[in-house]
Amino acid sequence: MSCYNTESWQQKTKNEILEVIKSMGIDRMPTRSEVKRVTGNESLTNRIMKSGGFKAWSQKLNKSLKECETNFGNRYEELTKFRLGTWFKDVKRTSVRFPYDIIVNNKVKIDVKASRLFRGKKGEYYTFNLESKYPKCDFYIAYCIGNNDAIEKVLVIPSFIMAGKSQLSVGVNSIYDKYRERWDLIEKFESAFKDIL
């Protein structure tokens, strides 16, 4: 019998998973990246993988797996496209081959991010993976999602603000709140192209 299937290892793993669930304020099985973020290391994720994996543990604990990241992201990309469509004539979603999600009037590149509230050791915040320290878009639109999928705030952040950072963390009160609902920045940016054409 593997040491990962002994009763003490199983109980330790179960307790630590439940602690992660509690600290995140969720009622589902956490993902590998969430476990690592909460615990700060790979110890628990390794134990989960060597004792059946995340799907097996979700069944043992009677917890659902996280909604597919793609479906979650697509929802907010579509919402962004709709909102931008009220200001601009041409708003398109791009294919997955592109390093951004939406292009406005064939000029302004937008990357859409969405995060549910995370409860960590240092408080509550939303966290967004920017993929690269060198932005490949003109704007990030970050949706902060609260309980019951309510949109708590939407940040429209010029990408150059995030240059050099691969992660965006937004507290309930944040220095980034000055970009809350700043859709006008996209309009100003798009208008600037007219002056140089």
N, C-alpha and C. Protein backbone atom coordinates (compact mmCIF):
# COMPACT_ATOMS: atom_id res chain seq x y z
N MET A 1 0.85 -1.20 0.00
CA MET A 1 0.00 0.00 0.00
C MET A 1 0.88 1.25 0.00
N SER A 2 0.54 2.19 -0.86
CA SER A 2 1.28 3.45 -0.93
C SER A 2 1.08 4.24 0.36
N CYS A 3 2.14 4.97 0.74
CA CYS A 3 2.02 5.80 1.95
C CYS A 3 0.94 6.85 1.79
N TYR A 4 0.56 7.19 0.53
CA TYR A 4 -0.46 8.20 0.28
C TYR A 4 -1.87 7.66 0.48
N ASN A 5 -1.98 6.34 0.67
CA ASN A 5 -3.30 5.75 0.90
C ASN A 5 -3.50 5.27 2.33
N THR A 6 -2.54 5.57 3.21
CA THR A 6 -2.74 5.21 4.61
C THR A 6 -3.79 6.12 5.21
N GLU A 7 -4.40 5.66 6.26
CA GLU A 7 -5.48 6.43 6.90
C GLU A 7 -5.01 7.79 7.39
N SER A 8 -3.79 7.86 7.96
CA SER A 8 -3.31 9.14 8.49
C SER A 8 -3.05 10.14 7.35
N TRP A 9 -2.48 9.67 6.24
CA TRP A 9 -2.25 10.56 5.09
C TRP A 9 -3.57 11.04 4.51
N GLN A 10 -4.52 10.13 4.40
CA GLN A 10 -5.83 10.49 3.85
C GLN A 10 -6.51 11.54 4.73
N GLN A 11 -6.44 11.34 6.04
CA GLN A 11 -7.08 12.29 6.97
C GLN A 11 -6.38 13.65 6.92
N LYS A 12 -5.05 13.62 6.87
CA LYS A 12 -4.29 14.88 6.80
C LYS A 12 -4.63 15.62 5.51
N THR A 13 -4.70 14.91 4.41
CA THR A 13 -5.04 15.53 3.12
C THR A 13 -6.45 16.10 3.16
N LYS A 14 -7.37 15.33 3.68
CA LYS A 14 -8.77 15.80 3.78
C LYS A 14 -8.85 17.07 4.61
N ASN A 15 -8.21 17.09 5.77
CA ASN A 15 -8.25 18.26 6.65
C ASN A 15 -7.67 19.50 5.98
N GLU A 16 -6.57 19.31 5.27
CA GLU A 16 -5.92 20.45 4.62
C GLU A 16 -6.75 20.97 3.44
N ILE A 17 -7.39 20.07 2.70
CA ILE A 17 -8.27 20.51 1.60
C ILE A 17 -9.44 21.30 2.18
N LEU A 18 -10.02 20.81 3.25
CA LEU A 18 -11.16 21.51 3.87
C LEU A 18 -10.73 22.87 4.41
N GLU A 19 -9.49 22.97 4.88
CA GLU A 19 -8.97 24.26 5.37
C GLU A 19 -8.82 25.25 4.21
N VAL A 20 -8.36 24.77 3.06
CA VAL A 20 -8.25 25.63 1.87
C VAL A 20 -9.64 26.10 1.45
N ILE A 21 -10.60 25.18 1.43
CA ILE A 21 -11.98 25.51 1.06
C ILE A 21 -12.53 26.58 1.99
N LYS A 22 -12.30 26.41 3.27
CA LYS A 22 -12.79 27.37 4.27
C LYS A 22 -12.13 28.73 4.09
N SER A 23 -10.82 28.76 3.89
CA SER A 23 -10.12 30.05 3.78
C SER A 23 -10.51 30.78 2.51
N MET A 24 -10.89 30.04 1.46
CA MET A 24 -11.30 30.67 0.20
C MET A 24 -12.77 31.06 0.21
N GLY A 25 -13.54 30.55 1.18
CA GLY A 25 -14.96 30.87 1.25
C GLY A 25 -15.75 30.27 0.10
N ILE A 26 -15.35 29.06 -0.33
CA ILE A 26 -16.03 28.40 -1.44
C ILE A 26 -16.68 27.12 -0.96
N ASP A 27 -17.53 26.52 -1.78
CA ASP A 27 -18.16 25.25 -1.44
C ASP A 27 -17.95 24.27 -2.58
N ARG A 28 -16.74 24.22 -3.10
CA ARG A 28 -16.37 23.31 -4.18
C ARG A 28 -14.93 22.88 -3.96
N MET A 29 -14.50 21.95 -4.76
CA MET A 29 -13.11 21.51 -4.71
C MET A 29 -12.22 22.61 -5.29
N PRO A 30 -11.18 23.02 -4.58
CA PRO A 30 -10.28 24.05 -5.13
C PRO A 30 -9.45 23.46 -6.27
N THR A 31 -8.96 24.32 -7.14
CA THR A 31 -8.10 23.89 -8.23
C THR A 31 -6.67 23.76 -7.72
N ARG A 32 -5.83 23.17 -8.54
CA ARG A 32 -4.42 23.01 -8.17
C ARG A 32 -3.77 24.37 -7.90
N SER A 33 -4.03 25.35 -8.79
CA SER A 33 -3.40 26.66 -8.61
C SER A 33 -3.93 27.36 -7.36
N GLU A 34 -5.20 27.16 -7.04
CA GLU A 34 -5.77 27.76 -5.82
C GLU A 34 -5.15 27.15 -4.58
N VAL A 35 -4.96 25.83 -4.57
CA VAL A 35 -4.34 25.16 -3.42
C VAL A 35 -2.92 25.70 -3.22
N LYS A 36 -2.20 25.81 -4.32
CA LYS A 36 -0.82 26.30 -4.23
C LYS A 36 -0.79 27.74 -3.73
N ARG A 37 -1.74 28.56 -4.21
CA ARG A 37 -1.77 29.97 -3.81
C ARG A 37 -2.07 30.10 -2.32
N VAL A 38 -3.00 29.30 -1.82
CA VAL A 38 -3.38 29.39 -0.40
C VAL A 38 -2.28 28.84 0.50
N THR A 39 -1.72 27.70 0.12
CA THR A 39 -0.74 27.05 1.00
C THR A 39 0.68 27.60 0.82
N GLY A 40 0.93 28.18 -0.36
CA GLY A 40 2.25 28.74 -0.61
C GLY A 40 3.29 27.73 -1.08
N ASN A 41 2.87 26.47 -1.28
CA ASN A 41 3.81 25.46 -1.79
C ASN A 41 3.04 24.34 -2.50
N GLU A 42 3.77 23.33 -2.95
CA GLU A 42 3.18 22.23 -3.72
C GLU A 42 2.89 20.99 -2.88
N SER A 43 3.13 21.04 -1.58
CA SER A 43 3.02 19.84 -0.74
C SER A 43 1.62 19.21 -0.83
N LEU A 44 0.58 20.02 -0.60
CA LEU A 44 -0.78 19.47 -0.63
C LEU A 44 -1.18 19.04 -2.04
N THR A 45 -0.83 19.83 -3.04
CA THR A 45 -1.20 19.44 -4.41
C THR A 45 -0.54 18.12 -4.79
N ASN A 46 0.71 17.94 -4.39
CA ASN A 46 1.40 16.67 -4.68
C ASN A 46 0.71 15.50 -3.99
N ARG A 47 0.31 15.71 -2.74
CA ARG A 47 -0.37 14.65 -2.00
C ARG A 47 -1.72 14.30 -2.64
N ILE A 48 -2.43 15.34 -3.10
CA ILE A 48 -3.72 15.11 -3.77
C ILE A 48 -3.50 14.29 -5.04
N MET A 49 -2.50 14.69 -5.83
CA MET A 49 -2.25 14.00 -7.10
C MET A 49 -1.82 12.55 -6.89
N LYS A 50 -1.09 12.30 -5.82
CA LYS A 50 -0.59 10.94 -5.57
C LYS A 50 -1.58 10.07 -4.80
N SER A 51 -2.71 10.64 -4.44
CA SER A 51 -3.72 9.84 -3.73
C SER A 51 -5.07 9.91 -4.44
N GLY A 52 -5.02 9.93 -5.76
CA GLY A 52 -6.27 9.85 -6.53
C GLY A 52 -6.53 11.03 -7.45
N GLY A 53 -5.97 12.20 -7.14
CA GLY A 53 -6.18 13.36 -7.99
C GLY A 53 -7.34 14.23 -7.52
N PHE A 54 -7.50 15.38 -8.15
CA PHE A 54 -8.50 16.37 -7.74
C PHE A 54 -9.93 15.87 -7.96
N LYS A 55 -10.15 15.16 -9.06
CA LYS A 55 -11.49 14.65 -9.33
C LYS A 55 -11.90 13.62 -8.28
N ALA A 56 -10.98 12.72 -7.94
CA ALA A 56 -11.28 11.69 -6.93
C ALA A 56 -11.56 12.32 -5.57
N TRP A 57 -10.76 13.34 -5.22
CA TRP A 57 -10.97 14.01 -3.93
C TRP A 57 -12.28 14.79 -3.91
N SER A 58 -12.66 15.36 -5.06
CA SER A 58 -13.94 16.09 -5.10
C SER A 58 -15.09 15.13 -4.83
N GLN A 59 -14.96 13.89 -5.32
CA GLN A 59 -16.00 12.89 -5.09
C GLN A 59 -16.00 12.42 -3.63
N LYS A 60 -14.79 12.21 -3.06
CA LYS A 60 -14.69 11.79 -1.65
C LYS A 60 -15.32 12.82 -0.72
N LEU A 61 -15.11 14.09 -1.03
CA LEU A 61 -15.60 15.18 -0.16
C LEU A 61 -16.98 15.68 -0.57
N ASN A 62 -17.53 15.08 -1.63
CA ASN A 62 -18.84 15.50 -2.14
C ASN A 62 -18.84 16.99 -2.51
N LYS A 63 -17.78 17.40 -3.21
CA LYS A 63 -17.64 18.79 -3.66
C LYS A 63 -17.56 18.82 -5.18
N SER A 64 -18.21 19.78 -5.78
CA SER A 64 -18.16 19.90 -7.23
C SER A 64 -16.80 20.45 -7.65
N LEU A 65 -16.44 20.18 -8.89
CA LEU A 65 -15.23 20.78 -9.45
C LEU A 65 -15.55 22.18 -9.92
N LYS A 66 -14.53 23.01 -10.05
CA LYS A 66 -14.70 24.40 -10.47
C LYS A 66 -15.28 24.46 -11.87
N GLU A 67 -16.16 25.43 -12.07
CA GLU A 67 -16.70 25.68 -13.40
C GLU A 67 -15.54 25.86 -14.37
N CYS A 68 -15.70 25.34 -15.54
CA CYS A 68 -14.65 25.43 -16.55
C CYS A 68 -14.20 26.88 -16.71
N GLU A 69 -12.89 27.09 -16.62
CA GLU A 69 -12.33 28.44 -16.75
C GLU A 69 -12.73 29.09 -18.07
N THR A 70 -12.79 28.26 -19.13
CA THR A 70 -13.13 28.79 -20.44
C THR A 70 -14.54 29.36 -20.44
N ASN A 71 -15.50 28.60 -19.90
CA ASN A 71 -16.88 29.09 -19.85
C ASN A 71 -17.00 30.35 -19.00
N PHE A 72 -16.29 30.35 -17.88
CA PHE A 72 -16.30 31.51 -16.99
C PHE A 72 -15.77 32.74 -17.72
N GLY A 73 -14.62 32.61 -18.38
CA GLY A 73 -14.03 33.72 -19.12
C GLY A 73 -14.89 34.16 -20.29
N ASN A 74 -15.45 33.20 -21.02
CA ASN A 74 -16.28 33.52 -22.19
C ASN A 74 -17.47 34.40 -21.82
N ARG A 75 -18.04 34.14 -20.65
CA ARG A 75 -19.21 34.91 -20.19
C ARG A 75 -18.87 36.40 -20.11
N TYR A 76 -17.69 36.73 -19.58
CA TYR A 76 -17.31 38.13 -19.39
C TYR A 76 -16.75 38.76 -20.67
N GLU A 77 -16.20 37.94 -21.54
CA GLU A 77 -15.81 38.45 -22.85
C GLU A 77 -17.05 38.87 -23.64
N GLU A 78 -18.08 38.05 -23.58
CA GLU A 78 -19.32 38.36 -24.30
C GLU A 78 -19.98 39.60 -23.71
N LEU A 79 -19.97 39.72 -22.39
CA LEU A 79 -20.54 40.90 -21.74
C LEU A 79 -19.77 42.16 -22.15
N THR A 80 -18.45 42.06 -22.20
CA THR A 80 -17.61 43.20 -22.60
C THR A 80 -17.90 43.60 -24.04
N LYS A 81 -18.01 42.61 -24.90
CA LYS A 81 -18.33 42.89 -26.31
C LYS A 81 -19.66 43.64 -26.41
N PHE A 82 -20.65 43.20 -25.65
CA PHE A 82 -21.97 43.85 -25.66
C PHE A 82 -21.87 45.30 -25.17
N ARG A 83 -21.15 45.50 -24.05
CA ARG A 83 -21.04 46.85 -23.49
C ARG A 83 -20.30 47.79 -24.44
N LEU A 84 -19.21 47.30 -25.03
CA LEU A 84 -18.45 48.13 -25.95
C LEU A 84 -19.24 48.42 -27.23
N GLY A 85 -20.13 47.50 -27.58
CA GLY A 85 -20.97 47.68 -28.77
C GLY A 85 -21.92 48.86 -28.66
N THR A 86 -22.14 49.37 -27.46
CA THR A 86 -23.00 50.55 -27.30
C THR A 86 -22.25 51.84 -27.64
N TRP A 87 -20.89 51.77 -27.69
CA TRP A 87 -20.08 52.95 -28.00
C TRP A 87 -19.43 52.88 -29.38
N PHE A 88 -19.12 51.67 -29.82
CA PHE A 88 -18.34 51.52 -31.05
C PHE A 88 -19.09 50.68 -32.08
N LYS A 89 -18.82 50.99 -33.36
CA LYS A 89 -19.49 50.28 -34.46
C LYS A 89 -18.98 48.86 -34.64
N ASP A 90 -17.68 48.68 -34.46
CA ASP A 90 -17.07 47.40 -34.79
C ASP A 90 -16.35 46.82 -33.57
N VAL A 91 -16.97 45.83 -32.94
CA VAL A 91 -16.38 45.17 -31.77
C VAL A 91 -16.39 43.67 -32.06
N LYS A 92 -15.20 43.07 -32.08
CA LYS A 92 -15.10 41.65 -32.40
C LYS A 92 -14.35 40.90 -31.31
N ARG A 93 -14.80 39.68 -31.05
CA ARG A 93 -14.02 38.77 -30.21
C ARG A 93 -13.02 38.07 -31.11
N THR A 94 -11.84 37.83 -30.60
CA THR A 94 -10.79 37.18 -31.38
C THR A 94 -10.76 35.69 -31.08
N SER A 95 -10.05 34.95 -31.90
CA SER A 95 -9.90 33.52 -31.65
C SER A 95 -8.85 33.31 -30.56
N VAL A 96 -8.74 32.08 -30.09
CA VAL A 96 -7.80 31.78 -29.01
C VAL A 96 -6.35 31.95 -29.43
N ARG A 97 -6.08 32.08 -30.73
CA ARG A 97 -4.71 32.27 -31.21
C ARG A 97 -4.17 33.65 -30.86
N PHE A 98 -5.07 34.59 -30.58
CA PHE A 98 -4.66 35.96 -30.30
C PHE A 98 -4.31 36.14 -28.83
N PRO A 99 -3.37 37.04 -28.51
CA PRO A 99 -3.00 37.27 -27.11
C PRO A 99 -3.93 38.27 -26.41
N TYR A 100 -5.05 38.60 -27.03
CA TYR A 100 -6.06 39.47 -26.44
C TYR A 100 -7.43 38.94 -26.88
N ASP A 101 -8.49 39.39 -26.23
CA ASP A 101 -9.82 38.80 -26.42
C ASP A 101 -10.72 39.56 -27.37
N ILE A 102 -10.57 40.89 -27.41
CA ILE A 102 -11.49 41.73 -28.18
C ILE A 102 -10.69 42.80 -28.92
N ILE A 103 -11.15 43.13 -30.12
CA ILE A 103 -10.56 44.25 -30.85
C ILE A 103 -11.68 45.22 -31.23
N VAL A 104 -11.45 46.50 -30.97
CA VAL A 104 -12.44 47.55 -31.21
C VAL A 104 -12.02 48.36 -32.42
N ASN A 105 -12.90 48.46 -33.40
CA ASN A 105 -12.66 49.23 -34.63
C ASN A 105 -11.32 48.90 -35.28
N ASN A 106 -10.93 47.63 -35.17
CA ASN A 106 -9.66 47.14 -35.73
C ASN A 106 -8.44 47.90 -35.22
N LYS A 107 -8.57 48.53 -34.04
CA LYS A 107 -7.46 49.34 -33.50
C LYS A 107 -7.13 49.00 -32.05
N VAL A 108 -8.12 49.01 -31.19
CA VAL A 108 -7.88 48.89 -29.75
C VAL A 108 -8.00 47.43 -29.31
N LYS A 109 -6.91 46.92 -28.72
CA LYS A 109 -6.86 45.52 -28.29
C LYS A 109 -7.16 45.43 -26.79
N ILE A 110 -8.09 44.54 -26.45
CA ILE A 110 -8.56 44.44 -25.06
C ILE A 110 -8.46 42.99 -24.58
N ASP A 111 -7.91 42.82 -23.38
CA ASP A 111 -7.83 41.51 -22.74
C ASP A 111 -8.78 41.53 -21.55
N VAL A 112 -9.71 40.57 -21.52
CA VAL A 112 -10.74 40.51 -20.47
C VAL A 112 -10.32 39.50 -19.41
N LYS A 113 -10.41 39.91 -18.15
CA LYS A 113 -10.07 39.05 -17.03
C LYS A 113 -11.24 39.03 -16.05
N ALA A 114 -11.42 37.91 -15.37
CA ALA A 114 -12.47 37.81 -14.35
C ALA A 114 -11.95 36.99 -13.18
N SER A 115 -12.30 37.41 -11.97
CA SER A 115 -11.85 36.69 -10.78
C SER A 115 -12.92 36.74 -9.71
N ARG A 116 -13.10 35.61 -9.07
CA ARG A 116 -13.96 35.58 -7.88
C ARG A 116 -13.13 36.02 -6.67
N LEU A 117 -13.82 36.44 -5.62
CA LEU A 117 -13.15 36.91 -4.41
C LEU A 117 -12.36 35.78 -3.76
N PHE A 118 -11.13 36.06 -3.44
CA PHE A 118 -10.23 35.10 -2.81
C PHE A 118 -9.97 35.54 -1.38
N ARG A 119 -10.09 34.60 -0.45
CA ARG A 119 -9.81 34.91 0.95
C ARG A 119 -8.51 34.23 1.34
N GLY A 120 -7.48 35.03 1.50
CA GLY A 120 -6.16 34.49 1.84
C GLY A 120 -5.73 34.93 3.23
N LYS A 121 -4.50 34.61 3.56
CA LYS A 121 -3.97 34.94 4.88
C LYS A 121 -3.82 36.45 5.07
N LYS A 122 -3.71 37.18 3.94
CA LYS A 122 -3.52 38.63 4.02
C LYS A 122 -4.80 39.40 3.72
N GLY A 123 -5.93 38.74 3.78
CA GLY A 123 -7.20 39.42 3.56
C GLY A 123 -7.92 38.96 2.31
N GLU A 124 -8.92 39.72 1.90
CA GLU A 124 -9.74 39.37 0.75
C GLU A 124 -9.31 40.18 -0.47
N TYR A 125 -9.22 39.50 -1.60
CA TYR A 125 -8.84 40.21 -2.82
C TYR A 125 -9.21 39.38 -4.04
N TYR A 126 -9.17 40.03 -5.18
CA TYR A 126 -9.37 39.39 -6.48
C TYR A 126 -7.99 39.29 -7.13
N THR A 127 -7.74 38.21 -7.81
CA THR A 127 -6.43 38.06 -8.44
C THR A 127 -6.58 37.65 -9.90
N PHE A 128 -5.77 38.26 -10.76
CA PHE A 128 -5.86 38.06 -12.21
C PHE A 128 -4.48 37.73 -12.76
N ASN A 129 -4.40 36.68 -13.54
CA ASN A 129 -3.16 36.31 -14.19
C ASN A 129 -3.07 37.08 -15.50
N LEU A 130 -2.04 37.90 -15.66
CA LEU A 130 -1.88 38.73 -16.85
C LEU A 130 -1.10 38.02 -17.95
N GLU A 131 -0.62 36.82 -17.68
CA GLU A 131 0.08 35.97 -18.65
C GLU A 131 1.51 36.42 -18.93
N SER A 132 1.75 37.72 -19.05
CA SER A 132 3.07 38.20 -19.44
C SER A 132 3.37 39.54 -18.77
N LYS A 133 4.64 39.80 -18.52
CA LYS A 133 5.04 41.10 -17.97
C LYS A 133 5.03 42.19 -19.04
N TYR A 134 4.91 41.76 -20.29
CA TYR A 134 4.91 42.70 -21.41
C TYR A 134 3.55 42.65 -22.09
N PRO A 135 2.67 43.59 -21.78
CA PRO A 135 1.29 43.55 -22.29
C PRO A 135 1.21 43.47 -23.81
N LYS A 136 0.30 42.63 -24.27
CA LYS A 136 0.06 42.48 -25.70
C LYS A 136 -1.29 43.07 -26.08
N CYS A 137 -1.83 43.87 -25.18
CA CYS A 137 -3.11 44.52 -25.41
C CYS A 137 -2.97 46.00 -25.03
N ASP A 138 -4.00 46.76 -25.31
CA ASP A 138 -4.01 48.18 -24.94
C ASP A 138 -4.68 48.40 -23.58
N PHE A 139 -5.68 47.54 -23.27
CA PHE A 139 -6.41 47.65 -22.01
C PHE A 139 -6.69 46.27 -21.43
N TYR A 140 -6.68 46.23 -20.10
CA TYR A 140 -7.21 45.08 -19.38
C TYR A 140 -8.56 45.50 -18.82
N ILE A 141 -9.56 44.65 -18.99
CA ILE A 141 -10.84 44.88 -18.32
C ILE A 141 -10.98 43.76 -17.31
N ALA A 142 -10.97 44.12 -16.03
CA ALA A 142 -10.96 43.16 -14.93
C ALA A 142 -12.29 43.17 -14.20
N TYR A 143 -12.98 42.04 -14.23
CA TYR A 143 -14.26 41.88 -13.55
C TYR A 143 -14.02 41.25 -12.19
N CYS A 144 -14.43 41.94 -11.13
CA CYS A 144 -14.33 41.43 -9.76
C CYS A 144 -15.68 40.83 -9.40
N ILE A 145 -15.72 39.50 -9.26
CA ILE A 145 -16.97 38.78 -9.09
C ILE A 145 -17.16 38.38 -7.63
N GLY A 146 -18.26 38.82 -7.04
CA GLY A 146 -18.56 38.51 -5.64
C GLY A 146 -19.48 37.32 -5.50
N ASN A 147 -20.16 37.27 -4.39
CA ASN A 147 -21.10 36.17 -4.12
C ASN A 147 -22.24 36.16 -5.13
N ASN A 148 -22.75 34.96 -5.40
CA ASN A 148 -23.87 34.78 -6.33
C ASN A 148 -23.57 35.36 -7.71
N ASP A 149 -22.29 35.36 -8.08
CA ASP A 149 -21.84 35.86 -9.38
C ASP A 149 -22.17 37.33 -9.62
N ALA A 150 -22.35 38.10 -8.56
CA ALA A 150 -22.58 39.54 -8.70
C ALA A 150 -21.28 40.23 -9.08
N ILE A 151 -21.36 41.15 -10.05
CA ILE A 151 -20.18 41.92 -10.43
C ILE A 151 -20.01 43.05 -9.42
N GLU A 152 -18.97 42.96 -8.61
CA GLU A 152 -18.73 43.96 -7.57
C GLU A 152 -18.13 45.24 -8.16
N LYS A 153 -17.21 45.07 -9.11
CA LYS A 153 -16.66 46.23 -9.79
C LYS A 153 -15.97 45.78 -11.07
N VAL A 154 -15.89 46.71 -12.02
CA VAL A 154 -15.21 46.47 -13.28
C VAL A 154 -14.14 47.53 -13.43
N LEU A 155 -12.91 47.09 -13.64
CA LEU A 155 -11.79 48.01 -13.80
C LEU A 155 -11.36 48.02 -15.26
N VAL A 156 -11.21 49.21 -15.82
CA VAL A 156 -10.73 49.39 -17.19
C VAL A 156 -9.35 50.01 -17.08
N ILE A 157 -8.33 49.16 -17.17
CA ILE A 157 -6.96 49.58 -16.85
C ILE A 157 -6.10 49.63 -18.10
N PRO A 158 -5.51 50.81 -18.40
CA PRO A 158 -4.56 50.87 -19.52
C PRO A 158 -3.42 49.89 -19.26
N SER A 159 -3.06 49.11 -20.26
CA SER A 159 -2.09 48.03 -20.05
C SER A 159 -0.72 48.52 -19.62
N PHE A 160 -0.32 49.72 -20.05
CA PHE A 160 1.03 50.18 -19.69
C PHE A 160 1.18 50.34 -18.18
N ILE A 161 0.06 50.53 -17.47
CA ILE A 161 0.09 50.63 -16.00
C ILE A 161 0.61 49.32 -15.39
N MET A 162 0.35 48.21 -16.08
CA MET A 162 0.71 46.90 -15.55
C MET A 162 2.03 46.37 -16.11
N ALA A 163 2.73 47.16 -16.90
CA ALA A 163 4.01 46.71 -17.48
C ALA A 163 4.95 46.25 -16.38
N GLY A 164 5.57 45.10 -16.58
CA GLY A 164 6.49 44.55 -15.59
C GLY A 164 5.82 43.65 -14.57
N LYS A 165 4.49 43.53 -14.63
CA LYS A 165 3.75 42.69 -13.67
C LYS A 165 3.02 41.58 -14.42
N SER A 166 3.07 40.38 -13.88
CA SER A 166 2.35 39.27 -14.52
C SER A 166 1.09 38.89 -13.72
N GLN A 167 0.87 39.58 -12.61
CA GLN A 167 -0.29 39.31 -11.76
C GLN A 167 -0.89 40.64 -11.30
N LEU A 168 -2.20 40.70 -11.32
CA LEU A 168 -2.92 41.86 -10.80
C LEU A 168 -3.73 41.41 -9.60
N SER A 169 -3.47 42.01 -8.45
CA SER A 169 -4.25 41.71 -7.24
C SER A 169 -5.00 42.97 -6.84
N VAL A 170 -6.30 42.82 -6.64
CA VAL A 170 -7.18 43.95 -6.36
C VAL A 170 -7.91 43.69 -5.05
N GLY A 171 -7.68 44.54 -4.07
CA GLY A 171 -8.38 44.41 -2.80
C GLY A 171 -9.79 44.98 -2.90
N VAL A 172 -10.57 44.77 -1.87
CA VAL A 172 -11.92 45.33 -1.84
C VAL A 172 -11.83 46.84 -2.00
N ASN A 173 -10.85 47.46 -1.35
CA ASN A 173 -10.47 48.86 -1.60
C ASN A 173 -9.07 48.81 -2.19
N SER A 174 -8.91 49.40 -3.36
CA SER A 174 -7.67 49.21 -4.10
C SER A 174 -7.17 50.50 -4.75
N ILE A 175 -5.88 50.56 -4.98
CA ILE A 175 -5.30 51.69 -5.70
C ILE A 175 -5.80 51.70 -7.15
N TYR A 176 -6.27 50.56 -7.62
CA TYR A 176 -6.78 50.47 -8.99
C TYR A 176 -8.23 50.92 -9.12
N ASP A 177 -8.85 51.26 -8.01
CA ASP A 177 -10.26 51.69 -8.06
C ASP A 177 -10.47 52.97 -8.87
N LYS A 178 -9.40 53.72 -9.11
CA LYS A 178 -9.54 54.93 -9.94
C LYS A 178 -9.86 54.57 -11.39
N TYR A 179 -9.69 53.30 -11.74
CA TYR A 179 -10.03 52.84 -13.09
C TYR A 179 -11.41 52.16 -13.15
N ARG A 180 -12.15 52.30 -12.08
CA ARG A 180 -13.47 51.67 -12.02
C ARG A 180 -14.41 52.28 -13.04
N GLU A 181 -14.97 51.41 -13.91
CA GLU A 181 -15.93 51.82 -14.95
C GLU A 181 -15.39 52.94 -15.85
N ARG A 182 -14.10 52.95 -16.09
CA ARG A 182 -13.49 53.99 -16.94
C ARG A 182 -13.51 53.60 -18.41
N TRP A 183 -14.69 53.26 -18.90
CA TRP A 183 -14.87 52.90 -20.30
C TRP A 183 -14.50 54.07 -21.22
N ASP A 184 -14.59 55.29 -20.69
CA ASP A 184 -14.25 56.48 -21.49
C ASP A 184 -12.80 56.48 -21.93
N LEU A 185 -11.92 55.79 -21.20
CA LEU A 185 -10.51 55.74 -21.58
C LEU A 185 -10.33 55.02 -22.91
N ILE A 186 -11.14 54.00 -23.13
CA ILE A 186 -11.07 53.27 -24.41
C ILE A 186 -11.51 54.19 -25.53
N GLU A 187 -12.56 54.94 -25.28
CA GLU A 187 -13.07 55.88 -26.29
C GLU A 187 -12.01 56.94 -26.63
N LYS A 188 -11.35 57.47 -25.61
CA LYS A 188 -10.30 58.48 -25.83
C LYS A 188 -9.12 57.88 -26.60
N PHE A 189 -8.76 56.67 -26.24
CA PHE A 189 -7.65 56.00 -26.90
C PHE A 189 -7.96 55.75 -28.37
N GLU A 190 -9.18 55.28 -28.63
CA GLU A 190 -9.60 55.00 -30.01
C GLU A 190 -9.66 56.29 -30.82
N SER A 191 -10.12 57.37 -30.20
CA SER A 191 -10.20 58.67 -30.88
C SER A 191 -8.82 59.19 -31.24
N ALA A 192 -7.81 58.88 -30.44
CA ALA A 192 -6.45 59.35 -30.72
C ALA A 192 -5.95 58.81 -32.06
N PHE A 193 -6.40 57.63 -32.45
CA PHE A 193 -5.99 57.07 -33.74
C PHE A 193 -6.46 57.93 -34.90
N LYS A 194 -7.63 58.53 -34.73
CA LYS A 194 -8.19 59.37 -35.80
C LYS A 194 -7.28 60.55 -36.10
N ASP A 195 -6.58 61.05 -35.07
CA ASP A 195 -5.71 62.20 -35.25
C ASP A 195 -4.41 61.86 -35.98
N ILE A 196 -4.05 60.58 -35.99
CA ILE A 196 -2.78 60.21 -36.64
C ILE A 196 -3.00 59.51 -37.97
N LEU A 197 -4.23 59.29 -38.35
CA LEU A 197 -4.50 58.64 -39.65
C LEU A 197 -4.73 59.65 -40.75
